Amino acid sequence: MTARSRFSARLDLENGRVDMSHGAGGRAMAQLIDELFKQALDNEWLSQGNDQALFSVPPGRLVMSTDAHVVSPLFFPGGDIGSLAVHGTVNDVAMSGARPLHLAASFILEEGFPLADLARIVASLAQAAREAGVAVVTGDTKVVERGKGDGVFITTTGIGVVPEGIAISGDRARPGDVILINGHIGDHGIAILSQRENLGFETAIQSDSAALHGLVADMIAAVPDIHCLRDPTRGGLATTLNELAQQSGVGMRVRETDIPVREAVSAACELLGLDPAYVANEGKLVAICPADRAETLLAAMRAHPLGAQSAIIGEVVEDPLGFVQMQTRFGGERLLDWLTGEQLPRIC
């Protein structure tokens, strides 16, 4: 039975708005799901219409991660909350060395939100999922009263499978290991801030939001003994290094001159009083591997489009206090401590 025969009139996706009935479990909610969500996301699991997805998984260890997305604004240079919801969860799964398989997506909608914007977000989410090779196999939709939300929030949960023989974890960094990153830092945070505050820079800054599992697969193929992977999102590179140092019980030393930062991002941070090391990213990863495998890993990263600007930025050192130190471009050293307070709220 087609959507046209089930409902007396089509959703007005040009001028219509979300109302409370779209989350009430009745005919209006069924129509929203059929004509908007299923149209964009349809696949063999979602089309079953159950409250859960039943599927088989390939051999290996299962990985699961969940991520809530509250970014403001919803649309920004280089992406939107829809594509970000896919990239963020796919990347969290991939940082274990897993191949992402499926996603679940939950939408919290605010009464009065334009259906045209919702359709645009769902279409973007669907495209990002297709490009990443994952399916949204189950989901949920709720509506809150006007003024009690902020347009739309999305929570995505992902599962993946880690091949046998791969053991990547935040507690595996060892003194003597080398620290790498796959490109310029700070793009996402500055893109969000420039859009939110209507800041005009001479060079347009785009979010780096991207799914990194293809890059990770190439890295693992080249160097199976990668010790750690982590995507430096909220809190940026500095916070991620502190997380890994704490988990592994080591210290870290990085060189400011080796950390890739675009001139436009550096200038924006200087203007706004921000430190690029603490600005969020959505298409970057930090890798830690044995020193004798670092050049091989670097070459594999640079051979991938999402790793063309990869660099070795430092080393893991013995330090029971777990400090992260940066050698500055002037030859001194400074402590890269944990982020305190909220530098850029609602960045992802």
C-alpha atoms as a PDB file:
ATOM      1  CA  MET A   1       0.000   0.000   0.000  1.00  0.00           C
ATOM      2  CA  THR A   2       1.465   3.383  -0.950  1.00  0.00           C
ATOM      3  CA  ALA A   3       1.780   6.379   1.346  1.00  0.00           C
ATOM      4  CA  ARG A   4      -0.734   8.230  -0.882  1.00  0.00           C
ATOM      5  CA  SER A   5      -3.417   5.580  -0.325  1.00  0.00           C
ATOM      6  CA  ARG A   6      -2.822   5.346   3.418  1.00  0.00           C
ATOM      7  CA  PHE A   7      -3.165   9.053   4.192  1.00  0.00           C
ATOM      8  CA  SER A   8      -5.739  11.563   3.005  1.00  0.00           C
ATOM      9  CA  ALA A   9      -3.135  14.219   2.155  1.00  0.00           C
ATOM     10  CA  ARG A  10       0.638  14.302   1.755  1.00  0.00           C
ATOM     11  CA  LEU A  11       2.878  15.979   4.312  1.00  0.00           C
ATOM     12  CA  ASP A  12       3.549  19.586   3.413  1.00  0.00           C
ATOM     13  CA  LEU A  13       7.330  19.361   3.276  1.00  0.00           C
ATOM     14  CA  GLU A  14       7.659  22.916   1.982  1.00  0.00           C
ATOM     15  CA  ASN A  15       5.619  24.923   4.466  1.00  0.00           C
ATOM     16  CA  GLY A  16       4.538  22.445   7.151  1.00  0.00           C
ATOM     17  CA  ARG A  17       5.820  22.298  10.714  1.00  0.00           C
ATOM     18  CA  VAL A  18       6.242  19.635  13.357  1.00  0.00           C
ATOM     19  CA  ASP A  19       3.319  19.479  15.757  1.00  0.00           C
ATOM     20  CA  MET A  20       2.677  17.443  18.891  1.00  0.00           C
ATOM     21  CA  SER A  21       0.703  14.810  16.979  1.00  0.00           C
ATOM     22  CA  HIS A  22       3.877  13.855  15.102  1.00  0.00           C
ATOM     23  CA  GLY A  23       5.168  12.286  18.309  1.00  0.00           C
ATOM     24  CA  ALA A  24       1.899  10.948  19.691  1.00  0.00           C
ATOM     25  CA  GLY A  25       2.020   7.480  18.172  1.00  0.00           C
ATOM     26  CA  GLY A  26      -1.001   7.896  15.890  1.00  0.00           C
ATOM     27  CA  ARG A  27      -1.682   8.479  12.216  1.00  0.00           C
ATOM     28  CA  ALA A  28       0.283  11.745  12.006  1.00  0.00           C
ATOM     29  CA  MET A  29       3.373  10.077  13.436  1.00  0.00           C
ATOM     30  CA  ALA A  30       3.013   7.122  11.059  1.00  0.00           C
ATOM     31  CA  GLN A  31       2.788   9.545   8.142  1.00  0.00           C
ATOM     32  CA  LEU A  32       5.876  11.455   9.263  1.00  0.00           C
ATOM     33  CA  ILE A  33       7.813   8.194   9.492  1.00  0.00           C
ATOM     34  CA  ASP A  34       6.572   6.872   6.145  1.00  0.00           C
ATOM     35  CA  GLU A  35       6.840  10.023   4.046  1.00  0.00           C
ATOM     36  CA  LEU A  36       9.954  11.595   5.528  1.00  0.00           C
ATOM     37  CA  PHE A  37      12.143   9.152   7.445  1.00  0.00           C
ATOM     38  CA  LYS A  38      11.517   5.966   5.478  1.00  0.00           C
ATOM     39  CA  GLN A  39      11.702   7.779   2.156  1.00  0.00           C
ATOM     40  CA  ALA A  40      15.246   8.842   2.959  1.00  0.00           C
ATOM     41  CA  LEU A  41      16.519   5.948   5.077  1.00  0.00           C
ATOM     42  CA  ASP A  42      14.719   2.872   3.742  1.00  0.00           C
ATOM     43  CA  ASN A  43      16.564  -0.455   3.844  1.00  0.00           C
ATOM     44  CA  GLU A  44      15.716  -4.104   4.353  1.00  0.00           C
ATOM     45  CA  TRP A  45      15.815  -3.840   8.158  1.00  0.00           C
ATOM     46  CA  LEU A  46      13.970  -0.548   8.553  1.00  0.00           C
ATOM     47  CA  SER A  47      11.246  -1.593   6.135  1.00  0.00           C
ATOM     48  CA  GLN A  48      10.283  -4.496   8.421  1.00  0.00           C
ATOM     49  CA  GLY A  49       8.534  -1.918  10.604  1.00  0.00           C
ATOM     50  CA  ASN A  50       9.442  -3.533  13.925  1.00  0.00           C
ATOM     51  CA  ASP A  51      10.470  -1.800  17.137  1.00  0.00           C
ATOM     52  CA  GLN A  52      13.886  -3.384  16.794  1.00  0.00           C
ATOM     53  CA  ALA A  53      16.231  -4.574  14.065  1.00  0.00           C
ATOM     54  CA  LEU A  54      17.173  -8.241  13.697  1.00  0.00           C
ATOM     55  CA  PHE A  55      20.374  -8.927  11.776  1.00  0.00           C
ATOM     56  CA  SER A  56      23.355 -11.247  11.570  1.00  0.00           C
ATOM     57  CA  VAL A  57      26.893 -10.092  12.272  1.00  0.00           C
ATOM     58  CA  PRO A  58      30.193 -11.317  10.822  1.00  0.00           C
ATOM     59  CA  PRO A  59      32.765 -13.066  13.050  1.00  0.00           C
ATOM     60  CA  GLY A  60      34.698 -10.900  15.475  1.00  0.00           C
ATOM     61  CA  ARG A  61      34.221  -8.875  18.639  1.00  0.00           C
ATOM     62  CA  LEU A  62      31.302  -6.449  18.719  1.00  0.00           C
ATOM     63  CA  VAL A  63      31.811  -2.767  19.487  1.00  0.00           C
ATOM     64  CA  MET A  64      29.009  -0.352  20.366  1.00  0.00           C
ATOM     65  CA  SER A  65      29.041   3.417  20.874  1.00  0.00           C
ATOM     66  CA  THR A  66      26.365   6.067  21.338  1.00  0.00           C
ATOM     67  CA  ASP A  67      26.525   9.809  20.821  1.00  0.00           C
ATOM     68  CA  ALA A  68      24.068  12.679  21.372  1.00  0.00           C
ATOM     69  CA  HIS A  69      24.213  15.622  18.959  1.00  0.00           C
ATOM     70  CA  VAL A  70      23.038  19.076  20.028  1.00  0.00           C
ATOM     71  CA  VAL A  71      25.121  21.260  17.707  1.00  0.00           C
ATOM     72  CA  SER A  72      24.078  24.876  17.193  1.00  0.00           C
ATOM     73  CA  PRO A  73      23.563  26.045  14.499  1.00  0.00           C
ATOM     74  CA  LEU A  74      21.993  22.999  12.875  1.00  0.00           C
ATOM     75  CA  PHE A  75      23.516  23.874   9.480  1.00  0.00           C
ATOM     76  CA  PHE A  76      27.125  25.018   9.223  1.00  0.00           C
ATOM     77  CA  PRO A  77      29.876  25.289   6.591  1.00  0.00           C
ATOM     78  CA  GLY A  78      30.868  21.748   5.652  1.00  0.00           C
ATOM     79  CA  GLY A  79      27.940  19.892   7.230  1.00  0.00           C
ATOM     80  CA  ASP A  80      24.877  19.832   9.439  1.00  0.00           C
ATOM     81  CA  ILE A  81      23.525  17.940  12.418  1.00  0.00           C
ATOM     82  CA  GLY A  82      22.411  15.074  10.158  1.00  0.00           C
ATOM     83  CA  SER A  83      25.785  14.228   8.620  1.00  0.00           C
ATOM     84  CA  LEU A  84      27.498  14.994  11.930  1.00  0.00           C
ATOM     85  CA  ALA A  85      25.314  12.424  13.711  1.00  0.00           C
ATOM     86  CA  VAL A  86      26.593   9.736  11.350  1.00  0.00           C
ATOM     87  CA  HIS A  87      30.231  10.797  11.305  1.00  0.00           C
ATOM     88  CA  GLY A  88      30.494  11.171  15.078  1.00  0.00           C
ATOM     89  CA  THR A  89      29.230   7.682  15.878  1.00  0.00           C
ATOM     90  CA  VAL A  90      30.943   5.935  12.960  1.00  0.00           C
ATOM     91  CA  ASN A  91      34.234   7.458  14.105  1.00  0.00           C
ATOM     92  CA  ASP A  92      33.773   6.422  17.730  1.00  0.00           C
ATOM     93  CA  VAL A  93      33.201   2.842  16.581  1.00  0.00           C
ATOM     94  CA  ALA A  94      36.146   2.976  14.174  1.00  0.00           C
ATOM     95  CA  MET A  95      38.591   4.156  16.856  1.00  0.00           C
ATOM     96  CA  SER A  96      38.566   0.589  18.212  1.00  0.00           C
ATOM     97  CA  GLY A  97      39.695  -0.697  14.832  1.00  0.00           C
ATOM     98  CA  ALA A  98      36.164  -1.917  14.094  1.00  0.00           C
ATOM     99  CA  ARG A  99      34.345  -1.933  10.785  1.00  0.00           C
ATOM    100  CA  PRO A 100      31.080  -0.058  11.411  1.00  0.00           C
ATOM    101  CA  LEU A 101      27.976  -2.053  10.481  1.00  0.00           C
ATOM    102  CA  HIS A 102      24.700  -0.391  11.497  1.00  0.00           C
ATOM    103  CA  LEU A 103      23.293   2.678  13.237  1.00  0.00           C
ATOM    104  CA  ALA A 104      20.220   3.459  15.303  1.00  0.00           C
ATOM    105  CA  ALA A 105      18.957   7.052  15.274  1.00  0.00           C
ATOM    106  CA  SER A 106      16.692   8.847  17.756  1.00  0.00           C
ATOM    107  CA  PHE A 107      15.235  12.286  16.973  1.00  0.00           C
ATOM    108  CA  ILE A 108      13.931  14.762  19.552  1.00  0.00           C
ATOM    109  CA  LEU A 109      11.921  17.364  17.626  1.00  0.00           C
ATOM    110  CA  GLU A 110      10.564  20.674  18.876  1.00  0.00           C
ATOM    111  CA  GLU A 111       6.998  21.637  18.120  1.00  0.00           C
ATOM    112  CA  GLY A 112       6.985  24.191  15.308  1.00  0.00           C
ATOM    113  CA  PHE A 113      10.219  23.027  13.676  1.00  0.00           C
ATOM    114  CA  PRO A 114       9.953  23.420   9.870  1.00  0.00           C
ATOM    115  CA  LEU A 115       9.412  20.121   8.065  1.00  0.00           C
ATOM    116  CA  ALA A 116      11.554  21.417   5.198  1.00  0.00           C
ATOM    117  CA  ASP A 117      14.539  21.724   7.547  1.00  0.00           C
ATOM    118  CA  LEU A 118      13.816  18.307   9.045  1.00  0.00           C
ATOM    119  CA  ALA A 119      13.682  16.740   5.575  1.00  0.00           C
ATOM    120  CA  ARG A 120      16.998  18.398   4.708  1.00  0.00           C
ATOM    121  CA  ILE A 121      18.612  17.049   7.889  1.00  0.00           C
ATOM    122  CA  VAL A 122      17.283  13.520   7.378  1.00  0.00           C
ATOM    123  CA  ALA A 123      18.414  13.524   3.747  1.00  0.00           C
ATOM    124  CA  SER A 124      21.892  14.609   4.822  1.00  0.00           C
ATOM    125  CA  LEU A 125      22.006  11.898   7.486  1.00  0.00           C
ATOM    126  CA  ALA A 126      20.923   9.315   4.916  1.00  0.00           C
ATOM    127  CA  GLN A 127      23.549  10.416   2.404  1.00  0.00           C
ATOM    128  CA  ALA A 128      26.294  10.339   5.029  1.00  0.00           C
ATOM    129  CA  ALA A 129      25.226   6.834   6.068  1.00  0.00           C
ATOM    130  CA  ARG A 130      25.256   5.609   2.460  1.00  0.00           C
ATOM    131  CA  GLU A 131      28.689   7.100   1.854  1.00  0.00           C
ATOM    132  CA  ALA A 132      29.950   5.436   5.043  1.00  0.00           C
ATOM    133  CA  GLY A 133      28.465   2.085   4.047  1.00  0.00           C
ATOM    134  CA  VAL A 134      26.252   1.788   7.112  1.00  0.00           C
ATOM    135  CA  ALA A 135      22.482   1.479   7.412  1.00  0.00           C
ATOM    136  CA  VAL A 136      20.155   3.132   9.906  1.00  0.00           C
ATOM    137  CA  VAL A 137      18.286  -0.017  10.912  1.00  0.00           C
ATOM    138  CA  THR A 138      16.055   1.270  13.717  1.00  0.00           C
ATOM    139  CA  GLY A 139      15.073   4.553  15.315  1.00  0.00           C
ATOM    140  CA  ASP A 140      12.673   6.620  17.362  1.00  0.00           C
ATOM    141  CA  THR A 141      10.990  10.032  17.164  1.00  0.00           C
ATOM    142  CA  LYS A 142       9.700  12.191  20.013  1.00  0.00           C
ATOM    143  CA  VAL A 143       8.239  15.714  19.987  1.00  0.00           C
ATOM    144  CA  VAL A 144       8.544  18.232  22.832  1.00  0.00           C
ATOM    145  CA  GLU A 145       6.515  21.406  23.302  1.00  0.00           C
ATOM    146  CA  ARG A 146       7.540  24.658  21.660  1.00  0.00           C
ATOM    147  CA  GLY A 147      10.248  26.339  23.710  1.00  0.00           C
ATOM    148  CA  LYS A 148      11.329  23.114  25.453  1.00  0.00           C
ATOM    149  CA  GLY A 149      13.771  22.011  22.775  1.00  0.00           C
ATOM    150  CA  ASP A 150      15.966  23.744  20.230  1.00  0.00           C
ATOM    151  CA  GLY A 151      14.744  22.517  16.871  1.00  0.00           C
ATOM    152  CA  VAL A 152      16.153  19.010  16.756  1.00  0.00           C
ATOM    153  CA  PHE A 153      18.499  16.827  18.776  1.00  0.00           C
ATOM    154  CA  ILE A 154      19.763  13.506  17.376  1.00  0.00           C
ATOM    155  CA  THR A 155      21.206  10.529  19.224  1.00  0.00           C
ATOM    156  CA  THR A 156      22.905   7.836  17.170  1.00  0.00           C
ATOM    157  CA  THR A 157      24.127   4.446  18.348  1.00  0.00           C
ATOM    158  CA  GLY A 158      26.469   2.371  16.227  1.00  0.00           C
ATOM    159  CA  ILE A 159      27.791  -1.162  16.234  1.00  0.00           C
ATOM    160  CA  GLY A 160      30.808  -2.622  14.499  1.00  0.00           C
ATOM    161  CA  VAL A 161      33.064  -5.659  14.443  1.00  0.00           C
ATOM    162  CA  VAL A 162      36.755  -5.722  15.379  1.00  0.00           C
ATOM    163  CA  PRO A 163      38.803  -8.281  13.430  1.00  0.00           C
ATOM    164  CA  GLU A 164      40.769 -10.882  15.349  1.00  0.00           C
ATOM    165  CA  GLY A 165      44.304  -9.824  16.210  1.00  0.00           C
ATOM    166  CA  ILE A 166      43.504  -6.108  16.539  1.00  0.00           C
ATOM    167  CA  ALA A 167      43.855  -4.656  20.036  1.00  0.00           C
ATOM    168  CA  ILE A 168      43.504  -0.862  19.955  1.00  0.00           C
ATOM    169  CA  SER A 169      42.723   0.811  23.274  1.00  0.00           C
ATOM    170  CA  GLY A 170      43.377   4.028  25.149  1.00  0.00           C
ATOM    171  CA  ASP A 171      45.409   2.176  27.792  1.00  0.00           C
ATOM    172  CA  ARG A 172      48.041   0.789  25.380  1.00  0.00           C
ATOM    173  CA  ALA A 173      50.332   3.833  24.903  1.00  0.00           C
ATOM    174  CA  ARG A 174      53.899   3.018  25.982  1.00  0.00           C
ATOM    175  CA  PRO A 175      56.993   5.198  26.536  1.00  0.00           C
ATOM    176  CA  GLY A 176      58.840   5.509  23.257  1.00  0.00           C
ATOM    177  CA  ASP A 177      55.679   5.327  21.138  1.00  0.00           C
ATOM    178  CA  VAL A 178      55.090   7.980  18.481  1.00  0.00           C
ATOM    179  CA  ILE A 179      52.031  10.268  18.246  1.00  0.00           C
ATOM    180  CA  LEU A 180      50.487  11.099  14.864  1.00  0.00           C
ATOM    181  CA  ILE A 181      47.500  13.130  13.665  1.00  0.00           C
ATOM    182  CA  ASN A 182      45.824  12.979  10.265  1.00  0.00           C
ATOM    183  CA  GLY A 183      45.688  16.684   9.452  1.00  0.00           C
ATOM    184  CA  HIS A 184      44.786  20.250  10.412  1.00  0.00           C
ATOM    185  CA  ILE A 185      43.153  20.801  13.791  1.00  0.00           C
ATOM    186  CA  GLY A 186      40.436  23.250  14.822  1.00  0.00           C
ATOM    187  CA  ASP A 187      38.494  23.486  11.544  1.00  0.00           C
ATOM    188  CA  HIS A 188      35.178  22.236  12.920  1.00  0.00           C
ATOM    189  CA  GLY A 189      35.077  24.401  16.014  1.00  0.00           C
ATOM    190  CA  ILE A 190      35.943  27.592  14.168  1.00  0.00           C
ATOM    191  CA  ALA A 191      33.450  26.801  11.373  1.00  0.00           C
ATOM    192  CA  ILE A 192      30.688  26.398  13.979  1.00  0.00           C
ATOM    193  CA  LEU A 193      31.676  29.543  15.840  1.00  0.00           C
ATOM    194  CA  SER A 194      31.908  31.664  12.689  1.00  0.00           C
ATOM    195  CA  GLN A 195      28.408  30.575  11.627  1.00  0.00           C
ATOM    196  CA  ARG A 196      26.903  30.964  15.092  1.00  0.00           C
ATOM    197  CA  GLU A 197      28.322  34.420  15.711  1.00  0.00           C
ATOM    198  CA  ASN A 198      28.062  35.563  12.070  1.00  0.00           C
ATOM    199  CA  LEU A 199      31.792  36.165  11.903  1.00  0.00           C
ATOM    200  CA  GLY A 200      33.253  36.857   8.489  1.00  0.00           C
ATOM    201  CA  PHE A 201      36.825  35.726   7.841  1.00  0.00           C
ATOM    202  CA  GLU A 202      38.844  36.444   4.720  1.00  0.00           C
ATOM    203  CA  THR A 203      39.020  32.707   3.989  1.00  0.00           C
ATOM    204  CA  ALA A 204      35.914  30.553   4.490  1.00  0.00           C
ATOM    205  CA  ILE A 205      36.530  27.886   7.125  1.00  0.00           C
ATOM    206  CA  GLN A 206      34.761  24.561   6.577  1.00  0.00           C
ATOM    207  CA  SER A 207      34.074  21.879   9.150  1.00  0.00           C
ATOM    208  CA  ASP A 208      36.271  18.800   8.745  1.00  0.00           C
ATOM    209  CA  SER A 209      33.331  16.488   9.578  1.00  0.00           C
ATOM    210  CA  ALA A 210      33.976  13.119   7.900  1.00  0.00           C
ATOM    211  CA  ALA A 211      33.729   9.374   8.473  1.00  0.00           C
ATOM    212  CA  LEU A 212      37.208   8.041   9.219  1.00  0.00           C
ATOM    213  CA  HIS A 213      36.701   4.259   9.134  1.00  0.00           C
ATOM    214  CA  GLY A 214      38.158   3.923   5.633  1.00  0.00           C
ATOM    215  CA  LEU A 215      41.317   5.693   6.739  1.00  0.00           C
ATOM    216  CA  VAL A 216      41.470   3.521   9.862  1.00  0.00           C
ATOM    217  CA  ALA A 217      41.151   0.340   7.780  1.00  0.00           C
ATOM    218  CA  ASP A 218      44.104   1.407   5.612  1.00  0.00           C
ATOM    219  CA  MET A 219      46.136   2.258   8.707  1.00  0.00           C
ATOM    220  CA  ILE A 220      45.471  -1.130  10.292  1.00  0.00           C
ATOM    221  CA  ALA A 221      46.338  -2.915   7.048  1.00  0.00           C
ATOM    222  CA  ALA A 222      49.723  -1.174   7.075  1.00  0.00           C
ATOM    223  CA  VAL A 223      50.397  -1.372  10.833  1.00  0.00           C
ATOM    224  CA  PRO A 224      48.213  -3.901  12.682  1.00  0.00           C
ATOM    225  CA  ASP A 225      49.954  -3.074  15.969  1.00  0.00           C
ATOM    226  CA  ILE A 226      48.553   0.433  16.373  1.00  0.00           C
ATOM    227  CA  HIS A 227      48.319   0.980  20.127  1.00  0.00           C
ATOM    228  CA  CYS A 228      45.768   3.813  20.415  1.00  0.00           C
ATOM    229  CA  LEU A 229      43.277   5.679  18.260  1.00  0.00           C
ATOM    230  CA  ARG A 230      41.065   8.523  19.435  1.00  0.00           C
ATOM    231  CA  ASP A 231      39.124  11.258  17.628  1.00  0.00           C
ATOM    232  CA  PRO A 232      39.814  14.663  19.218  1.00  0.00           C
ATOM    233  CA  THR A 233      36.295  16.129  19.258  1.00  0.00           C
ATOM    234  CA  ARG A 234      35.138  18.218  22.256  1.00  0.00           C
ATOM    235  CA  GLY A 235      38.168  19.634  24.064  1.00  0.00           C
ATOM    236  CA  GLY A 236      40.325  19.187  20.983  1.00  0.00           C
ATOM    237  CA  LEU A 237      43.760  17.647  20.636  1.00  0.00           C
ATOM    238  CA  ALA A 238      44.965  18.713  24.093  1.00  0.00           C
ATOM    239  CA  THR A 239      42.091  17.054  25.945  1.00  0.00           C
ATOM    240  CA  THR A 240      42.410  13.862  23.901  1.00  0.00           C
ATOM    241  CA  LEU A 241      46.105  13.581  24.686  1.00  0.00           C
ATOM    242  CA  ASN A 242      45.336  14.041  28.380  1.00  0.00           C
ATOM    243  CA  GLU A 243      42.691  11.301  28.209  1.00  0.00           C
ATOM    244  CA  LEU A 244      45.134   8.870  26.626  1.00  0.00           C
ATOM    245  CA  ALA A 245      47.958   9.800  29.001  1.00  0.00           C
ATOM    246  CA  GLN A 246      45.704   9.177  31.990  1.00  0.00           C
ATOM    247  CA  GLN A 247      44.392   5.876  30.650  1.00  0.00           C
ATOM    248  CA  SER A 248      47.878   4.566  29.894  1.00  0.00           C
ATOM    249  CA  GLY A 249      49.688   6.036  32.901  1.00  0.00           C
ATOM    250  CA  VAL A 250      52.261   7.861  30.758  1.00  0.00           C
ATOM    251  CA  GLY A 251      53.259  11.377  29.772  1.00  0.00           C
ATOM    252  CA  MET A 252      53.327  12.922  26.319  1.00  0.00           C
ATOM    253  CA  ARG A 253      55.463  15.523  24.588  1.00  0.00           C
ATOM    254  CA  VAL A 254      54.333  17.226  21.395  1.00  0.00           C
ATOM    255  CA  ARG A 255      55.891  19.904  19.214  1.00  0.00           C
ATOM    256  CA  GLU A 256      53.804  22.949  18.346  1.00  0.00           C
ATOM    257  CA  THR A 257      55.600  23.436  15.035  1.00  0.00           C
ATOM    258  CA  ASP A 258      54.643  19.920  13.894  1.00  0.00           C
ATOM    259  CA  ILE A 259      50.906  20.225  14.644  1.00  0.00           C
ATOM    260  CA  PRO A 260      49.055  21.180  11.437  1.00  0.00           C
ATOM    261  CA  VAL A 261      46.863  24.287  11.823  1.00  0.00           C
ATOM    262  CA  ARG A 262      45.478  26.275   8.910  1.00  0.00           C
ATOM    263  CA  GLU A 263      46.485  29.931   8.783  1.00  0.00           C
ATOM    264  CA  ALA A 264      42.830  30.980   8.788  1.00  0.00           C
ATOM    265  CA  VAL A 265      42.098  28.899  11.895  1.00  0.00           C
ATOM    266  CA  SER A 266      45.210  30.161  13.644  1.00  0.00           C
ATOM    267  CA  ALA A 267      44.262  33.767  12.849  1.00  0.00           C
ATOM    268  CA  ALA A 268      40.668  33.232  14.016  1.00  0.00           C
ATOM    269  CA  CYS A 269      41.851  31.681  17.272  1.00  0.00           C
ATOM    270  CA  GLU A 270      44.238  34.557  17.894  1.00  0.00           C
ATOM    271  CA  LEU A 271      41.457  37.066  17.240  1.00  0.00           C
ATOM    272  CA  LEU A 272      39.012  35.249  19.549  1.00  0.00           C
ATOM    273  CA  GLY A 273      41.471  34.372  22.299  1.00  0.00           C
ATOM    274  CA  LEU A 274      41.247  30.615  21.679  1.00  0.00           C
ATOM    275  CA  ASP A 275      43.936  27.945  21.656  1.00  0.00           C
ATOM    276  CA  PRO A 276      43.718  25.689  18.552  1.00  0.00           C
ATOM    277  CA  ALA A 277      44.836  22.734  20.659  1.00  0.00           C
ATOM    278  CA  TYR A 278      41.501  22.868  22.519  1.00  0.00           C
ATOM    279  CA  VAL A 279      39.196  23.535  19.556  1.00  0.00           C
ATOM    280  CA  ALA A 280      36.926  20.661  18.470  1.00  0.00           C
ATOM    281  CA  ASN A 281      37.424  18.501  15.394  1.00  0.00           C
ATOM    282  CA  GLU A 282      35.073  16.058  13.660  1.00  0.00           C
ATOM    283  CA  GLY A 283      37.298  14.505  11.008  1.00  0.00           C
ATOM    284  CA  LYS A 284      40.551  14.010  12.841  1.00  0.00           C
ATOM    285  CA  LEU A 285      42.176  11.141  14.712  1.00  0.00           C
ATOM    286  CA  VAL A 286      45.162  10.771  16.979  1.00  0.00           C
ATOM    287  CA  ALA A 287      47.173   7.584  16.483  1.00  0.00           C
ATOM    288  CA  ILE A 288      49.863   6.147  18.753  1.00  0.00           C
ATOM    289  CA  CYS A 289      52.125   3.342  17.532  1.00  0.00           C
ATOM    290  CA  PRO A 290      55.575   1.842  18.165  1.00  0.00           C
ATOM    291  CA  ALA A 291      58.387   4.108  17.000  1.00  0.00           C
ATOM    292  CA  ASP A 292      59.728   1.594  14.473  1.00  0.00           C
ATOM    293  CA  ARG A 293      56.335   1.538  12.698  1.00  0.00           C
ATOM    294  CA  ALA A 294      55.672   5.268  12.688  1.00  0.00           C
ATOM    295  CA  GLU A 295      56.996   6.072   9.213  1.00  0.00           C
ATOM    296  CA  THR A 296      55.073   3.151   7.700  1.00  0.00           C
ATOM    297  CA  LEU A 297      51.902   4.332   9.415  1.00  0.00           C
ATOM    298  CA  LEU A 298      52.495   7.927   8.331  1.00  0.00           C
ATOM    299  CA  ALA A 299      52.886   6.851   4.704  1.00  0.00           C
ATOM    300  CA  ALA A 300      49.633   4.859   4.838  1.00  0.00           C
ATOM    301  CA  MET A 301      47.810   7.834   6.345  1.00  0.00           C
ATOM    302  CA  ARG A 302      49.125  10.276   3.754  1.00  0.00           C
ATOM    303  CA  ALA A 303      48.048   7.931   0.942  1.00  0.00           C
ATOM    304  CA  HIS A 304      44.401   8.333   1.995  1.00  0.00           C
ATOM    305  CA  PRO A 305      42.420  11.493   1.069  1.00  0.00           C
ATOM    306  CA  LEU A 306      41.493  12.100   4.724  1.00  0.00           C
ATOM    307  CA  GLY A 307      45.111  11.790   5.819  1.00  0.00           C
ATOM    308  CA  ALA A 308      47.015  13.734   3.159  1.00  0.00           C
ATOM    309  CA  GLN A 309      48.228  16.288   5.724  1.00  0.00           C
ATOM    310  CA  SER A 310      49.124  13.728   8.395  1.00  0.00           C
ATOM    311  CA  ALA A 311      52.088  14.439  10.639  1.00  0.00           C
ATOM    312  CA  ILE A 312      54.148  12.995  13.463  1.00  0.00           C
ATOM    313  CA  ILE A 313      53.638  15.451  16.307  1.00  0.00           C
ATOM    314  CA  GLY A 314      55.349  13.950  19.355  1.00  0.00           C
ATOM    315  CA  GLU A 315      56.228  11.008  21.554  1.00  0.00           C
ATOM    316  CA  VAL A 316      55.008   9.139  24.599  1.00  0.00           C
ATOM    317  CA  VAL A 317      57.312   9.467  27.627  1.00  0.00           C
ATOM    318  CA  GLU A 318      57.556   8.056  31.112  1.00  0.00           C
ATOM    319  CA  ASP A 319      55.705  10.283  33.555  1.00  0.00           C
ATOM    320  CA  PRO A 320      53.752   8.885  36.513  1.00  0.00           C
ATOM    321  CA  LEU A 321      51.899  12.224  36.756  1.00  0.00           C
ATOM    322  CA  GLY A 322      50.572  11.860  33.215  1.00  0.00           C
ATOM    323  CA  PHE A 323      51.472  15.381  32.070  1.00  0.00           C
ATOM    324  CA  VAL A 324      51.155  16.478  28.443  1.00  0.00           C
ATOM    325  CA  GLN A 325      53.879  18.960  27.522  1.00  0.00           C
ATOM    326  CA  MET A 326      54.190  21.053  24.378  1.00  0.00           C
ATOM    327  CA  GLN A 327      57.463  22.374  23.001  1.00  0.00           C
ATOM    328  CA  THR A 328      56.481  25.827  21.754  1.00  0.00           C
ATOM    329  CA  ARG A 329      57.565  27.382  18.480  1.00  0.00           C
ATOM    330  CA  PHE A 330      59.844  29.652  20.535  1.00  0.00           C
ATOM    331  CA  GLY A 331      61.745  26.725  22.043  1.00  0.00           C
ATOM    332  CA  GLY A 332      60.143  26.751  25.497  1.00  0.00           C
ATOM    333  CA  GLU A 333      57.703  24.297  27.020  1.00  0.00           C
ATOM    334  CA  ARG A 334      54.182  24.664  28.341  1.00  0.00           C
ATOM    335  CA  LEU A 335      51.730  22.334  29.954  1.00  0.00           C
ATOM    336  CA  LEU A 336      48.762  21.223  27.855  1.00  0.00           C
ATOM    337  CA  ASP A 337      46.363  20.644  30.713  1.00  0.00           C
ATOM    338  CA  TRP A 338      42.796  19.388  30.616  1.00  0.00           C
ATOM    339  CA  LEU A 339      40.272  21.854  29.229  1.00  0.00           C
ATOM    340  CA  THR A 340      38.642  23.791  32.058  1.00  0.00           C
ATOM    341  CA  GLY A 341      35.203  25.309  31.646  1.00  0.00           C
ATOM    342  CA  GLU A 342      33.424  25.422  28.294  1.00  0.00           C
ATOM    343  CA  GLN A 343      35.426  26.993  25.500  1.00  0.00           C
ATOM    344  CA  LEU A 344      32.836  26.489  22.741  1.00  0.00           C
ATOM    345  CA  PRO A 345      29.421  25.204  23.867  1.00  0.00           C
ATOM    346  CA  ARG A 346      27.221  22.948  21.686  1.00  0.00           C
ATOM    347  CA  ILE A 347      29.943  22.170  19.184  1.00  0.00           C
ATOM    348  CA  CYS A 348      28.691  18.691  18.264  1.00  0.00           C
END
